[in-house]
Amino acid sequence: MSLRINDTAPDFTANSTEGQIRFHDWIGDSYAIVFSHPRDFTPVCTTEFGAVAQLAPEFEQRNTKVLGVSVDSVEDHQKWKADIGKVAGVPANFAIIDDSDLAVAKAYDMLPAEYYLPTEGRTPAHSATVRTVFIIGPDKKVRLTMTYPMSVGRNFAEILRALDAVRKTDGVPLATPANWVPGQDVIVALSLDNAAAEAKYGPLDIKLPYLRYAKDPA
């Protein structure tokens, strides 16, 4: 069964380019982004991992660790990092785990529907992980998931924006509207009446009785 929002992210131990990782211990008090990809030395994946490498300072500023998941070996990952760095213009200094036994892919339901069909006639492509993203909180709960088909490269600017929105609204009576980016007004939850909302967040911009904006808290 697929993971749902607020499920505890499955713990695991795996070898990685940064040594052995015990996932929950590795997260510590940070946020984490876990993202899978089909194979090393493939075109779309190389561009995606290059994008993550370029965004490494942004993730660090947000107290967020990034973990790539692949069915290939750590040795292959280390070789592939040279290609990623060449494309990105910066080194890929984040961990990529060896999931050759598909333990993490199965625990996180990262496999396409064809994987679960009878093995007869099934090709290696049917066992390739789809492009799945999980944002996980310091409490090890799943905050957000995204899944792309293998043919569609992910928009990591959107993943970063979603991370900002998750962190902005985590544990507080706020939500973010469509297309929100940091600095724009946020929505105040209906659990606060107008007086309580203004006391907490300042003057409200009331569009509708149930749609009330406040300035983005610093």
N, C-alpha and C. Protein backbone atom coordinates (compact mmCIF):
# COMPACT_ATOMS: atom_id res chain seq x y z
N MET A 1 0.85 -1.20 0.00
CA MET A 1 0.00 0.00 0.00
C MET A 1 0.88 1.24 0.00
N SER A 2 0.49 2.24 -0.75
CA SER A 2 1.30 3.45 -0.84
C SER A 2 1.29 4.23 0.47
N LEU A 3 2.34 4.99 0.69
CA LEU A 3 2.42 5.83 1.88
C LEU A 3 1.49 7.02 1.75
N ARG A 4 0.91 7.42 2.86
CA ARG A 4 -0.01 8.55 2.89
C ARG A 4 0.59 9.68 3.70
N ILE A 5 0.05 10.86 3.50
CA ILE A 5 0.47 12.01 4.30
C ILE A 5 0.27 11.69 5.77
N ASN A 6 1.28 11.99 6.58
CA ASN A 6 1.33 11.78 8.02
C ASN A 6 1.64 10.34 8.42
N ASP A 7 1.83 9.43 7.46
CA ASP A 7 2.41 8.13 7.80
C ASP A 7 3.85 8.33 8.25
N THR A 8 4.31 7.44 9.13
CA THR A 8 5.73 7.43 9.47
C THR A 8 6.52 6.85 8.30
N ALA A 9 7.52 7.57 7.84
CA ALA A 9 8.34 7.09 6.73
C ALA A 9 9.07 5.82 7.16
N PRO A 10 9.02 4.76 6.37
CA PRO A 10 9.69 3.51 6.76
C PRO A 10 11.19 3.75 7.01
N ASP A 11 11.67 3.18 8.09
CA ASP A 11 13.09 3.24 8.39
C ASP A 11 13.81 2.16 7.59
N PHE A 12 15.07 2.36 7.31
CA PHE A 12 15.85 1.35 6.60
C PHE A 12 17.33 1.61 6.84
N THR A 13 18.12 0.60 6.56
CA THR A 13 19.57 0.72 6.58
C THR A 13 20.08 0.38 5.18
N ALA A 14 20.94 1.21 4.62
CA ALA A 14 21.42 0.98 3.25
C ALA A 14 22.82 1.56 3.10
N ASN A 15 23.58 0.96 2.20
CA ASN A 15 24.87 1.52 1.83
C ASN A 15 24.65 2.69 0.88
N SER A 16 25.50 3.69 0.99
CA SER A 16 25.36 4.88 0.16
C SER A 16 26.74 5.42 -0.21
N THR A 17 26.74 6.43 -1.05
CA THR A 17 27.98 7.10 -1.42
C THR A 17 28.60 7.85 -0.26
N GLU A 18 27.84 8.02 0.82
CA GLU A 18 28.34 8.67 2.04
C GLU A 18 28.50 7.67 3.18
N GLY A 19 28.59 6.39 2.85
CA GLY A 19 28.69 5.35 3.87
C GLY A 19 27.33 4.76 4.21
N GLN A 20 27.31 3.89 5.21
CA GLN A 20 26.05 3.26 5.60
C GLN A 20 25.11 4.28 6.23
N ILE A 21 23.86 4.23 5.83
CA ILE A 21 22.84 5.15 6.35
C ILE A 21 21.77 4.36 7.07
N ARG A 22 21.51 4.72 8.31
CA ARG A 22 20.30 4.28 9.03
C ARG A 22 19.35 5.47 8.94
N PHE A 23 18.30 5.33 8.18
CA PHE A 23 17.55 6.46 7.67
C PHE A 23 17.05 7.41 8.76
N HIS A 24 16.34 6.90 9.75
CA HIS A 24 15.78 7.79 10.77
C HIS A 24 16.89 8.49 11.56
N ASP A 25 17.97 7.78 11.84
CA ASP A 25 19.10 8.41 12.52
C ASP A 25 19.74 9.47 11.62
N TRP A 26 19.82 9.17 10.34
CA TRP A 26 20.43 10.10 9.38
C TRP A 26 19.63 11.39 9.28
N ILE A 27 18.31 11.30 9.32
CA ILE A 27 17.48 12.52 9.27
C ILE A 27 17.76 13.41 10.48
N GLY A 28 17.86 12.80 11.65
CA GLY A 28 18.08 13.58 12.86
C GLY A 28 16.95 14.57 13.07
N ASP A 29 17.30 15.85 13.29
CA ASP A 29 16.27 16.88 13.50
C ASP A 29 16.08 17.73 12.24
N SER A 30 16.44 17.18 11.09
CA SER A 30 16.29 17.89 9.82
C SER A 30 15.02 17.46 9.11
N TYR A 31 14.68 18.18 8.05
CA TYR A 31 13.75 17.67 7.04
C TYR A 31 14.56 16.82 6.07
N ALA A 32 13.87 15.99 5.31
CA ALA A 32 14.55 15.17 4.33
C ALA A 32 13.74 15.10 3.04
N ILE A 33 14.43 15.07 1.92
CA ILE A 33 13.82 14.81 0.63
C ILE A 33 14.41 13.51 0.10
N VAL A 34 13.55 12.54 -0.16
CA VAL A 34 13.95 11.26 -0.73
C VAL A 34 13.40 11.22 -2.15
N PHE A 35 14.27 10.95 -3.13
CA PHE A 35 13.78 10.89 -4.50
C PHE A 35 14.43 9.73 -5.24
N SER A 36 13.60 8.99 -5.95
CA SER A 36 14.06 7.82 -6.68
C SER A 36 14.24 8.14 -8.15
N HIS A 37 15.02 7.30 -8.81
CA HIS A 37 15.18 7.44 -10.25
C HIS A 37 15.46 6.06 -10.83
N PRO A 38 15.21 5.87 -12.13
CA PRO A 38 15.29 4.52 -12.70
C PRO A 38 16.69 3.91 -12.71
N ARG A 39 17.70 4.60 -13.26
CA ARG A 39 19.03 4.02 -13.41
C ARG A 39 20.09 5.11 -13.42
N ASP A 40 21.31 4.73 -13.04
CA ASP A 40 22.46 5.61 -13.26
C ASP A 40 22.78 5.67 -14.77
N PHE A 41 23.54 6.68 -15.15
CA PHE A 41 24.02 6.83 -16.53
C PHE A 41 22.86 6.88 -17.53
N THR A 42 21.77 7.54 -17.14
CA THR A 42 20.64 7.74 -18.04
C THR A 42 20.40 9.24 -18.17
N PRO A 43 19.85 9.69 -19.30
CA PRO A 43 19.86 11.13 -19.60
C PRO A 43 19.01 11.99 -18.67
N VAL A 44 17.75 11.62 -18.48
CA VAL A 44 16.88 12.46 -17.65
C VAL A 44 17.38 12.49 -16.21
N CYS A 45 17.78 11.34 -15.70
CA CYS A 45 18.26 11.26 -14.31
C CYS A 45 19.50 12.13 -14.10
N THR A 46 20.37 12.17 -15.10
CA THR A 46 21.58 12.98 -14.98
C THR A 46 21.23 14.45 -14.86
N THR A 47 20.25 14.91 -15.64
CA THR A 47 19.83 16.31 -15.53
C THR A 47 19.18 16.58 -14.18
N GLU A 48 18.42 15.62 -13.67
CA GLU A 48 17.75 15.81 -12.38
C GLU A 48 18.76 15.88 -11.24
N PHE A 49 19.69 14.94 -11.23
CA PHE A 49 20.68 14.95 -10.15
C PHE A 49 21.58 16.17 -10.26
N GLY A 50 21.80 16.65 -11.49
CA GLY A 50 22.52 17.91 -11.66
C GLY A 50 21.76 19.07 -11.04
N ALA A 51 20.44 19.08 -11.22
CA ALA A 51 19.62 20.14 -10.63
C ALA A 51 19.70 20.11 -9.11
N VAL A 52 19.67 18.92 -8.53
CA VAL A 52 19.78 18.79 -7.07
C VAL A 52 21.15 19.29 -6.60
N ALA A 53 22.20 18.95 -7.33
CA ALA A 53 23.54 19.39 -6.95
C ALA A 53 23.62 20.92 -6.95
N GLN A 54 23.01 21.56 -7.94
CA GLN A 54 23.02 23.01 -8.01
C GLN A 54 22.25 23.65 -6.87
N LEU A 55 21.23 22.95 -6.38
CA LEU A 55 20.38 23.48 -5.30
C LEU A 55 20.88 23.11 -3.91
N ALA A 56 22.00 22.43 -3.81
CA ALA A 56 22.49 21.97 -2.51
C ALA A 56 22.55 23.08 -1.46
N PRO A 57 23.05 24.29 -1.79
CA PRO A 57 23.07 25.36 -0.77
C PRO A 57 21.66 25.75 -0.31
N GLU A 58 20.69 25.70 -1.22
CA GLU A 58 19.32 26.05 -0.85
C GLU A 58 18.73 25.04 0.13
N PHE A 59 18.98 23.76 -0.11
CA PHE A 59 18.50 22.74 0.82
C PHE A 59 19.18 22.88 2.18
N GLU A 60 20.47 23.17 2.17
CA GLU A 60 21.20 23.32 3.44
C GLU A 60 20.65 24.48 4.24
N GLN A 61 20.33 25.59 3.58
CA GLN A 61 19.75 26.74 4.27
C GLN A 61 18.43 26.40 4.93
N ARG A 62 17.73 25.41 4.38
CA ARG A 62 16.41 25.02 4.88
C ARG A 62 16.48 23.82 5.83
N ASN A 63 17.67 23.51 6.32
CA ASN A 63 17.84 22.38 7.26
C ASN A 63 17.24 21.11 6.68
N THR A 64 17.57 20.84 5.41
CA THR A 64 16.99 19.70 4.70
C THR A 64 18.09 18.85 4.07
N LYS A 65 18.04 17.56 4.32
CA LYS A 65 18.97 16.61 3.72
C LYS A 65 18.31 15.96 2.51
N VAL A 66 19.12 15.64 1.51
CA VAL A 66 18.62 15.07 0.26
C VAL A 66 19.23 13.69 0.06
N LEU A 67 18.38 12.74 -0.33
CA LEU A 67 18.83 11.36 -0.50
C LEU A 67 18.29 10.80 -1.81
N GLY A 68 19.19 10.39 -2.71
CA GLY A 68 18.79 9.74 -3.94
C GLY A 68 18.68 8.23 -3.76
N VAL A 69 17.73 7.62 -4.44
CA VAL A 69 17.51 6.17 -4.38
C VAL A 69 17.68 5.59 -5.77
N SER A 70 18.52 4.56 -5.90
CA SER A 70 18.75 3.93 -7.19
C SER A 70 19.02 2.46 -7.01
N VAL A 71 18.69 1.69 -8.03
CA VAL A 71 18.93 0.24 -7.98
C VAL A 71 20.39 -0.10 -8.27
N ASP A 72 21.20 0.89 -8.64
CA ASP A 72 22.58 0.62 -8.98
C ASP A 72 23.47 0.59 -7.74
N SER A 73 24.71 0.14 -7.93
CA SER A 73 25.64 -0.02 -6.83
C SER A 73 26.27 1.31 -6.43
N VAL A 74 26.81 1.35 -5.22
CA VAL A 74 27.52 2.54 -4.77
C VAL A 74 28.70 2.83 -5.69
N GLU A 75 29.37 1.79 -6.15
CA GLU A 75 30.50 1.97 -7.07
C GLU A 75 30.04 2.67 -8.35
N ASP A 76 28.91 2.25 -8.90
CA ASP A 76 28.37 2.92 -10.08
C ASP A 76 27.98 4.36 -9.78
N HIS A 77 27.37 4.58 -8.61
CA HIS A 77 26.98 5.94 -8.22
C HIS A 77 28.21 6.86 -8.20
N GLN A 78 29.29 6.39 -7.62
CA GLN A 78 30.49 7.22 -7.52
C GLN A 78 31.02 7.56 -8.91
N LYS A 79 30.99 6.62 -9.84
CA LYS A 79 31.43 6.89 -11.21
C LYS A 79 30.49 7.87 -11.89
N TRP A 80 29.18 7.68 -11.66
CA TRP A 80 28.18 8.53 -12.30
C TRP A 80 28.27 9.97 -11.82
N LYS A 81 28.70 10.16 -10.57
CA LYS A 81 28.79 11.51 -10.02
C LYS A 81 29.70 12.41 -10.87
N ALA A 82 30.68 11.82 -11.54
CA ALA A 82 31.54 12.62 -12.41
C ALA A 82 30.74 13.20 -13.57
N ASP A 83 29.84 12.40 -14.14
CA ASP A 83 28.99 12.88 -15.22
C ASP A 83 28.03 13.95 -14.72
N ILE A 84 27.47 13.73 -13.54
CA ILE A 84 26.53 14.71 -12.97
C ILE A 84 27.23 16.05 -12.78
N GLY A 85 28.44 16.00 -12.21
CA GLY A 85 29.19 17.22 -11.99
C GLY A 85 29.52 17.94 -13.29
N LYS A 86 29.80 17.17 -14.34
CA LYS A 86 30.11 17.77 -15.64
C LYS A 86 28.89 18.51 -16.19
N VAL A 87 27.72 17.92 -16.04
CA VAL A 87 26.49 18.54 -16.54
C VAL A 87 26.07 19.73 -15.67
N ALA A 88 26.19 19.58 -14.36
CA ALA A 88 25.70 20.60 -13.43
C ALA A 88 26.67 21.76 -13.25
N GLY A 89 27.95 21.49 -13.44
CA GLY A 89 28.94 22.52 -13.18
C GLY A 89 29.34 22.60 -11.72
N VAL A 90 28.77 21.72 -10.89
CA VAL A 90 29.11 21.64 -9.46
C VAL A 90 29.11 20.17 -9.07
N PRO A 91 29.86 19.79 -8.03
CA PRO A 91 29.87 18.38 -7.63
C PRO A 91 28.55 17.95 -7.00
N ALA A 92 28.24 16.68 -7.16
CA ALA A 92 27.01 16.12 -6.57
C ALA A 92 27.33 15.62 -5.16
N ASN A 93 27.33 16.54 -4.22
CA ASN A 93 27.72 16.22 -2.85
C ASN A 93 26.52 15.87 -1.99
N PHE A 94 25.76 14.87 -2.40
CA PHE A 94 24.67 14.36 -1.58
C PHE A 94 24.66 12.85 -1.71
N ALA A 95 24.02 12.20 -0.76
CA ALA A 95 24.07 10.74 -0.68
C ALA A 95 23.13 10.09 -1.70
N ILE A 96 23.60 9.00 -2.30
CA ILE A 96 22.79 8.15 -3.17
C ILE A 96 22.94 6.73 -2.65
N ILE A 97 21.81 6.08 -2.37
CA ILE A 97 21.89 4.74 -1.78
C ILE A 97 21.83 3.65 -2.84
N ASP A 98 22.37 2.50 -2.47
CA ASP A 98 22.29 1.28 -3.27
C ASP A 98 21.01 0.55 -2.86
N ASP A 99 20.04 0.54 -3.77
CA ASP A 99 18.79 -0.18 -3.51
C ASP A 99 18.63 -1.31 -4.52
N SER A 100 19.71 -2.04 -4.76
CA SER A 100 19.68 -3.09 -5.77
C SER A 100 18.73 -4.22 -5.41
N ASP A 101 18.40 -4.37 -4.12
CA ASP A 101 17.43 -5.40 -3.73
C ASP A 101 16.00 -4.87 -3.72
N LEU A 102 15.82 -3.60 -4.10
CA LEU A 102 14.49 -2.94 -4.18
C LEU A 102 13.79 -2.84 -2.83
N ALA A 103 14.53 -2.98 -1.74
CA ALA A 103 13.88 -2.93 -0.42
C ALA A 103 13.25 -1.57 -0.16
N VAL A 104 13.96 -0.50 -0.48
CA VAL A 104 13.42 0.85 -0.25
C VAL A 104 12.33 1.15 -1.27
N ALA A 105 12.56 0.77 -2.53
CA ALA A 105 11.55 1.00 -3.57
C ALA A 105 10.22 0.34 -3.22
N LYS A 106 10.29 -0.85 -2.64
CA LYS A 106 9.06 -1.55 -2.26
C LYS A 106 8.43 -0.91 -1.01
N ALA A 107 9.25 -0.57 -0.03
CA ALA A 107 8.72 0.01 1.21
C ALA A 107 8.03 1.34 0.94
N TYR A 108 8.54 2.08 -0.04
CA TYR A 108 7.99 3.39 -0.36
C TYR A 108 7.09 3.37 -1.60
N ASP A 109 6.81 2.18 -2.12
CA ASP A 109 5.92 2.00 -3.27
C ASP A 109 6.36 2.86 -4.46
N MET A 110 7.62 2.74 -4.81
CA MET A 110 8.21 3.52 -5.89
C MET A 110 8.19 2.79 -7.23
N LEU A 111 7.56 1.64 -7.30
CA LEU A 111 7.60 0.83 -8.51
C LEU A 111 6.33 1.00 -9.33
N PRO A 112 6.43 0.88 -10.66
CA PRO A 112 5.24 1.03 -11.50
C PRO A 112 4.32 -0.17 -11.36
N ALA A 113 3.09 -0.02 -11.84
CA ALA A 113 2.10 -1.09 -11.71
C ALA A 113 2.58 -2.38 -12.35
N GLU A 114 3.34 -2.27 -13.45
CA GLU A 114 3.77 -3.47 -14.16
C GLU A 114 4.66 -4.37 -13.32
N TYR A 115 5.33 -3.79 -12.32
CA TYR A 115 6.21 -4.61 -11.48
C TYR A 115 5.43 -5.72 -10.79
N TYR A 116 4.18 -5.46 -10.50
CA TYR A 116 3.37 -6.39 -9.72
C TYR A 116 2.63 -7.40 -10.60
N LEU A 117 2.86 -7.33 -11.91
CA LEU A 117 2.27 -8.31 -12.81
C LEU A 117 3.08 -9.60 -12.76
N PRO A 118 2.54 -10.70 -13.27
CA PRO A 118 3.32 -11.94 -13.33
C PRO A 118 4.65 -11.71 -14.04
N THR A 119 5.69 -12.44 -13.64
CA THR A 119 7.03 -12.20 -14.16
C THR A 119 7.16 -12.55 -15.64
N GLU A 120 6.33 -13.43 -16.16
CA GLU A 120 6.45 -13.83 -17.56
C GLU A 120 6.23 -12.62 -18.48
N GLY A 121 7.21 -12.35 -19.34
CA GLY A 121 7.10 -11.25 -20.28
C GLY A 121 7.45 -9.89 -19.70
N ARG A 122 7.82 -9.86 -18.44
CA ARG A 122 8.16 -8.59 -17.81
C ARG A 122 9.60 -8.22 -18.17
N THR A 123 9.84 -6.97 -18.51
CA THR A 123 11.17 -6.52 -18.90
C THR A 123 11.80 -5.73 -17.74
N PRO A 124 13.13 -5.46 -17.81
CA PRO A 124 13.75 -4.65 -16.76
C PRO A 124 13.09 -3.30 -16.57
N ALA A 125 12.55 -2.72 -17.65
CA ALA A 125 11.88 -1.42 -17.53
C ALA A 125 10.67 -1.48 -16.60
N HIS A 126 10.04 -2.64 -16.53
CA HIS A 126 8.87 -2.78 -15.67
C HIS A 126 9.24 -2.78 -14.19
N SER A 127 10.54 -3.01 -13.90
CA SER A 127 10.99 -3.03 -12.51
C SER A 127 11.76 -1.76 -12.14
N ALA A 128 11.79 -0.79 -13.05
CA ALA A 128 12.51 0.45 -12.78
C ALA A 128 11.66 1.36 -11.91
N THR A 129 12.28 1.97 -10.92
CA THR A 129 11.54 2.88 -10.05
C THR A 129 11.07 4.10 -10.83
N VAL A 130 9.85 4.52 -10.57
CA VAL A 130 9.36 5.76 -11.16
C VAL A 130 9.97 6.94 -10.40
N ARG A 131 9.72 8.15 -10.92
CA ARG A 131 10.34 9.34 -10.32
C ARG A 131 9.47 9.84 -9.17
N THR A 132 9.74 9.32 -7.98
CA THR A 132 8.94 9.63 -6.80
C THR A 132 9.73 10.55 -5.86
N VAL A 133 9.01 11.47 -5.22
CA VAL A 133 9.60 12.40 -4.26
C VAL A 133 8.82 12.33 -2.96
N PHE A 134 9.54 12.28 -1.86
CA PHE A 134 8.93 12.37 -0.53
C PHE A 134 9.60 13.49 0.23
N ILE A 135 8.81 14.37 0.83
CA ILE A 135 9.32 15.33 1.81
C ILE A 135 8.92 14.80 3.18
N ILE A 136 9.91 14.64 4.05
CA ILE A 136 9.71 14.00 5.35
C ILE A 136 10.16 14.97 6.43
N GLY A 137 9.36 15.10 7.49
CA GLY A 137 9.66 16.04 8.56
C GLY A 137 10.63 15.48 9.57
N PRO A 138 11.11 16.33 10.48
CA PRO A 138 12.02 15.87 11.53
C PRO A 138 11.41 14.81 12.43
N ASP A 139 10.08 14.76 12.48
CA ASP A 139 9.40 13.73 13.28
C ASP A 139 9.24 12.43 12.49
N LYS A 140 9.85 12.36 11.30
CA LYS A 140 9.87 11.18 10.43
C LYS A 140 8.51 10.91 9.78
N LYS A 141 7.63 11.91 9.78
CA LYS A 141 6.32 11.77 9.13
C LYS A 141 6.39 12.28 7.69
N VAL A 142 5.65 11.62 6.81
CA VAL A 142 5.58 12.04 5.42
C VAL A 142 4.75 13.32 5.34
N ARG A 143 5.35 14.38 4.79
CA ARG A 143 4.65 15.65 4.67
C ARG A 143 4.06 15.85 3.26
N LEU A 144 4.75 15.30 2.24
CA LEU A 144 4.33 15.56 0.87
C LEU A 144 4.90 14.47 -0.03
N THR A 145 4.13 14.11 -1.06
CA THR A 145 4.62 13.15 -2.05
C THR A 145 4.33 13.66 -3.45
N MET A 146 5.18 13.32 -4.40
CA MET A 146 4.98 13.62 -5.82
C MET A 146 5.46 12.40 -6.60
N THR A 147 4.78 12.06 -7.66
CA THR A 147 5.21 10.95 -8.51
C THR A 147 5.09 11.34 -9.97
N TYR A 148 6.18 11.15 -10.70
CA TYR A 148 6.26 11.45 -12.12
C TYR A 148 6.52 10.15 -12.89
N PRO A 149 6.09 10.05 -14.13
CA PRO A 149 6.48 8.90 -14.95
C PRO A 149 7.95 9.01 -15.32
N MET A 150 8.50 7.89 -15.80
CA MET A 150 9.93 7.87 -16.11
C MET A 150 10.31 8.84 -17.21
N SER A 151 9.37 9.19 -18.08
CA SER A 151 9.69 10.05 -19.23
C SER A 151 9.67 11.53 -18.91
N VAL A 152 9.26 11.91 -17.70
CA VAL A 152 9.08 13.32 -17.35
C VAL A 152 10.06 13.71 -16.24
N GLY A 153 10.97 14.61 -16.57
CA GLY A 153 11.90 15.09 -15.57
C GLY A 153 11.21 15.99 -14.55
N ARG A 154 11.64 15.87 -13.32
CA ARG A 154 11.01 16.64 -12.25
C ARG A 154 11.42 18.11 -12.26
N ASN A 155 10.55 18.96 -11.77
CA ASN A 155 10.82 20.39 -11.62
C ASN A 155 11.29 20.62 -10.19
N PHE A 156 12.59 20.73 -9.99
CA PHE A 156 13.11 20.86 -8.64
C PHE A 156 12.90 22.25 -8.06
N ALA A 157 12.64 23.23 -8.90
CA ALA A 157 12.22 24.52 -8.37
C ALA A 157 10.87 24.38 -7.67
N GLU A 158 9.98 23.56 -8.22
CA GLU A 158 8.69 23.31 -7.57
C GLU A 158 8.87 22.51 -6.29
N ILE A 159 9.79 21.55 -6.31
CA ILE A 159 10.05 20.77 -5.10
C ILE A 159 10.58 21.68 -3.99
N LEU A 160 11.45 22.61 -4.35
CA LEU A 160 11.96 23.57 -3.36
C LEU A 160 10.84 24.47 -2.86
N ARG A 161 9.98 24.92 -3.77
CA ARG A 161 8.83 25.75 -3.37
C ARG A 161 7.91 24.99 -2.44
N ALA A 162 7.65 23.71 -2.76
CA ALA A 162 6.79 22.89 -1.91
C ALA A 162 7.42 22.69 -0.54
N LEU A 163 8.73 22.50 -0.50
CA LEU A 163 9.43 22.39 0.78
C LEU A 163 9.24 23.66 1.61
N ASP A 164 9.38 24.82 0.97
CA ASP A 164 9.17 26.08 1.68
C ASP A 164 7.75 26.15 2.25
N ALA A 165 6.76 25.72 1.47
CA ALA A 165 5.38 25.76 1.93
C ALA A 165 5.14 24.79 3.08
N VAL A 166 5.72 23.61 2.98
CA VAL A 166 5.60 22.63 4.08
C VAL A 166 6.20 23.20 5.36
N ARG A 167 7.38 23.76 5.26
CA ARG A 167 8.04 24.29 6.45
C ARG A 167 7.28 25.51 7.00
N LYS A 168 6.73 26.32 6.12
CA LYS A 168 6.00 27.51 6.56
C LYS A 168 4.74 27.14 7.35
N THR A 169 4.07 26.07 6.97
CA THR A 169 2.77 25.72 7.56
C THR A 169 2.85 24.59 8.58
N ASP A 170 4.04 24.06 8.81
CA ASP A 170 4.19 22.91 9.69
C ASP A 170 3.89 23.28 11.14
N GLY A 171 2.79 22.75 11.67
CA GLY A 171 2.47 22.93 13.08
C GLY A 171 1.88 24.27 13.45
N VAL A 172 1.50 25.09 12.47
CA VAL A 172 0.89 26.39 12.75
C VAL A 172 -0.41 26.50 11.97
N PRO A 173 -1.32 27.39 12.41
CA PRO A 173 -2.64 27.50 11.73
C PRO A 173 -2.58 28.34 10.47
N LEU A 174 -1.74 27.91 9.53
CA LEU A 174 -1.59 28.62 8.27
C LEU A 174 -1.62 27.63 7.11
N ALA A 175 -1.95 28.14 5.94
CA ALA A 175 -1.87 27.36 4.70
C ALA A 175 -1.35 28.31 3.62
N THR A 176 -0.92 27.73 2.50
CA THR A 176 -0.44 28.56 1.40
C THR A 176 -1.41 28.44 0.22
N PRO A 177 -1.70 29.54 -0.46
CA PRO A 177 -2.61 29.50 -1.61
C PRO A 177 -1.91 28.94 -2.85
N ALA A 178 -2.68 28.78 -3.90
CA ALA A 178 -2.13 28.31 -5.16
C ALA A 178 -0.98 29.20 -5.61
N ASN A 179 0.08 28.56 -6.09
CA ASN A 179 1.23 29.25 -6.68
C ASN A 179 2.01 30.10 -5.70
N TRP A 180 1.81 29.89 -4.41
CA TRP A 180 2.50 30.67 -3.38
C TRP A 180 4.01 30.50 -3.48
N VAL A 181 4.72 31.59 -3.25
CA VAL A 181 6.16 31.56 -3.07
C VAL A 181 6.49 32.36 -1.81
N PRO A 182 7.63 32.09 -1.18
CA PRO A 182 7.97 32.78 0.07
C PRO A 182 7.91 34.30 -0.09
N GLY A 183 7.34 34.93 0.93
CA GLY A 183 7.18 36.37 0.93
C GLY A 183 5.77 36.81 0.58
N GLN A 184 5.03 35.97 -0.12
CA GLN A 184 3.65 36.30 -0.44
C GLN A 184 2.74 36.01 0.76
N ASP A 185 1.54 36.60 0.72
CA ASP A 185 0.59 36.40 1.81
C ASP A 185 0.21 34.94 1.95
N VAL A 186 -0.12 34.57 3.18
CA VAL A 186 -0.54 33.20 3.49
C VAL A 186 -2.00 33.21 3.94
N ILE A 187 -2.60 32.05 3.98
CA ILE A 187 -4.00 31.90 4.39
C ILE A 187 -4.06 31.49 5.86
N VAL A 188 -4.94 32.16 6.60
CA VAL A 188 -5.11 31.83 8.02
C VAL A 188 -6.16 30.74 8.16
N ALA A 189 -5.86 29.74 8.97
CA ALA A 189 -6.77 28.61 9.15
C ALA A 189 -8.06 29.05 9.83
N LEU A 190 -9.13 28.33 9.53
CA LEU A 190 -10.44 28.65 10.10
C LEU A 190 -10.54 28.30 11.58
N SER A 191 -9.52 27.64 12.12
CA SER A 191 -9.51 27.35 13.55
C SER A 191 -9.34 28.61 14.39
N LEU A 192 -8.91 29.71 13.76
CA LEU A 192 -8.80 30.99 14.45
C LEU A 192 -9.91 31.92 13.98
N ASP A 193 -10.61 32.56 14.92
CA ASP A 193 -11.57 33.58 14.50
C ASP A 193 -10.80 34.84 14.10
N ASN A 194 -11.50 35.83 13.60
CA ASN A 194 -10.83 37.02 13.11
C ASN A 194 -9.99 37.71 14.18
N ALA A 195 -10.53 37.82 15.36
CA ALA A 195 -9.81 38.51 16.44
C ALA A 195 -8.53 37.76 16.80
N ALA A 196 -8.64 36.45 16.94
CA ALA A 196 -7.47 35.66 17.29
C ALA A 196 -6.44 35.67 16.16
N ALA A 197 -6.94 35.64 14.92
CA ALA A 197 -6.04 35.66 13.77
C ALA A 197 -5.27 36.98 13.70
N GLU A 198 -5.97 38.10 13.92
CA GLU A 198 -5.30 39.40 13.88
C GLU A 198 -4.33 39.56 15.03
N ALA A 199 -4.69 39.04 16.19
CA ALA A 199 -3.78 39.11 17.33
C ALA A 199 -2.49 38.35 17.06
N LYS A 200 -2.60 37.28 16.31
CA LYS A 200 -1.43 36.42 16.05
C LYS A 200 -0.64 36.86 14.83
N TYR A 201 -1.35 37.29 13.77
CA TYR A 201 -0.69 37.54 12.49
C TYR A 201 -0.85 38.96 11.95
N GLY A 202 -1.53 39.83 12.70
CA GLY A 202 -1.68 41.19 12.24
C GLY A 202 -2.92 41.36 11.38
N PRO A 203 -3.08 42.53 10.73
CA PRO A 203 -4.29 42.81 9.94
C PRO A 203 -4.54 41.75 8.87
N LEU A 204 -5.81 41.44 8.68
CA LEU A 204 -6.20 40.43 7.71
C LEU A 204 -6.72 41.08 6.43
N ASP A 205 -6.50 40.41 5.33
CA ASP A 205 -7.12 40.77 4.07
C ASP A 205 -8.21 39.73 3.84
N ILE A 206 -9.47 40.09 4.14
CA ILE A 206 -10.57 39.13 4.12
C ILE A 206 -11.24 39.16 2.75
N LYS A 207 -10.99 38.14 1.94
CA LYS A 207 -11.60 38.04 0.61
C LYS A 207 -13.00 37.45 0.70
N LEU A 208 -13.15 36.44 1.54
CA LEU A 208 -14.41 35.75 1.82
C LEU A 208 -14.39 35.37 3.30
N PRO A 209 -15.54 35.10 3.89
CA PRO A 209 -15.52 34.73 5.31
C PRO A 209 -14.57 33.56 5.61
N TYR A 210 -14.37 32.70 4.62
CA TYR A 210 -13.51 31.53 4.84
C TYR A 210 -12.16 31.65 4.13
N LEU A 211 -11.88 32.81 3.51
CA LEU A 211 -10.61 33.02 2.83
C LEU A 211 -10.00 34.32 3.34
N ARG A 212 -9.07 34.17 4.28
CA ARG A 212 -8.49 35.33 4.95
C ARG A 212 -6.96 35.26 4.81
N TYR A 213 -6.39 36.32 4.25
CA TYR A 213 -4.95 36.37 4.05
C TYR A 213 -4.28 37.17 5.17
N ALA A 214 -3.04 36.80 5.48
CA ALA A 214 -2.20 37.57 6.38
C ALA A 214 -0.82 37.67 5.76
N LYS A 215 -0.05 38.65 6.20
CA LYS A 215 1.32 38.79 5.73
C LYS A 215 2.13 37.54 6.11
N ASP A 216 3.04 37.19 5.23
CA ASP A 216 3.90 36.02 5.47
C ASP A 216 4.72 36.28 6.73
N PRO A 217 4.53 35.48 7.80
CA PRO A 217 5.33 35.69 9.02
C PRO A 217 6.81 35.44 8.72
N ALA A 218 7.65 36.29 9.25
CA ALA A 218 9.09 36.13 9.04
C ALA A 218 9.58 34.89 9.77
